[in-house]
Protein backbone atom coordinates (compact mmCIF):
# COMPACT_ATOMS: atom_id res chain seq x y z
CA MET A 1 0.00 0.00 0.00
CA ALA A 2 2.85 2.40 0.85
CA ASN A 3 4.40 1.65 -2.55
CA LEU A 4 1.19 2.70 -4.34
CA GLN A 5 1.11 5.92 -2.35
CA ALA A 6 4.74 6.64 -3.22
CA GLU A 7 4.02 6.02 -6.91
CA GLY A 8 1.03 8.37 -6.74
CA GLU A 9 3.12 11.09 -5.13
CA GLN A 10 5.85 10.64 -7.78
CA HIS A 11 3.23 10.90 -10.55
CA LEU A 12 1.76 14.04 -8.98
CA SER A 13 5.24 15.54 -8.70
CA GLU A 14 5.84 14.88 -12.42
CA ILE A 15 2.53 16.55 -13.30
CA ILE A 16 3.33 19.61 -11.19
CA ASP A 17 6.79 19.84 -12.77
CA GLU A 18 5.24 19.72 -16.25
CA ILE A 19 2.72 22.43 -15.35
CA LYS A 20 5.55 24.63 -14.06
CA LYS A 21 7.57 24.01 -17.24
CA GLN A 22 4.65 24.89 -19.50
CA LEU A 23 3.90 28.07 -17.54
CA ALA A 24 7.54 29.14 -17.66
CA GLN A 25 7.57 28.77 -21.46
CA LEU A 26 4.28 30.64 -21.93
CA GLU A 27 4.52 34.35 -22.71
CA TYR A 28 0.94 35.12 -23.87
CA GLY A 29 -1.87 32.60 -23.82
CA SER A 30 -3.46 30.06 -21.53
CA LEU A 31 -2.80 26.72 -19.90
CA GLU A 32 -5.78 24.40 -19.51
CA ILE A 33 -5.64 21.46 -17.11
CA GLN A 34 -8.20 18.69 -17.68
CA VAL A 35 -9.19 16.68 -14.62
CA HIS A 36 -11.31 13.50 -14.59
CA ASN A 37 -12.26 11.69 -11.39
CA GLY A 38 -9.88 13.89 -9.41
CA GLN A 39 -6.85 13.14 -11.59
CA VAL A 40 -5.08 15.31 -14.14
CA VAL A 41 -5.43 13.63 -17.53
CA GLN A 42 -4.37 16.35 -19.97
CA ILE A 43 -2.58 19.69 -20.13
CA GLU A 44 -3.23 21.95 -23.11
CA ARG A 45 -1.24 25.10 -23.83
CA ARG A 46 -2.52 27.79 -26.18
CA GLU A 47 -0.19 30.55 -27.14
CA LYS A 48 -0.97 33.76 -28.99
CA ARG A 49 1.50 35.46 -31.29
CA ARG A 50 0.69 38.88 -32.65
CA TRP A 51 2.62 41.37 -34.66
CA GLU A 52 2.01 45.08 -34.81
CA LYS A 53 0.83 46.46 -38.11
CA THR A 54 3.51 48.31 -40.01
CA PRO A 55 2.85 51.02 -42.54
CA SER A 56 2.62 49.46 -45.98
CA ALA A 57 5.28 50.34 -48.50
CA ARG A 58 4.11 52.65 -51.30
């Protein structure tokens, strides 16, 4: 039983590390964390990239 708990804590630690990594790499956008039955099953990162309009050449 203790082994299962240790594995669960290791898995949770890996998930938290991945969330931190994704947030650190994100400049503009969102991070969505999907949870099913109390467990994280998916992390989705959406990033926006925009450029300012420049005057067109004439």
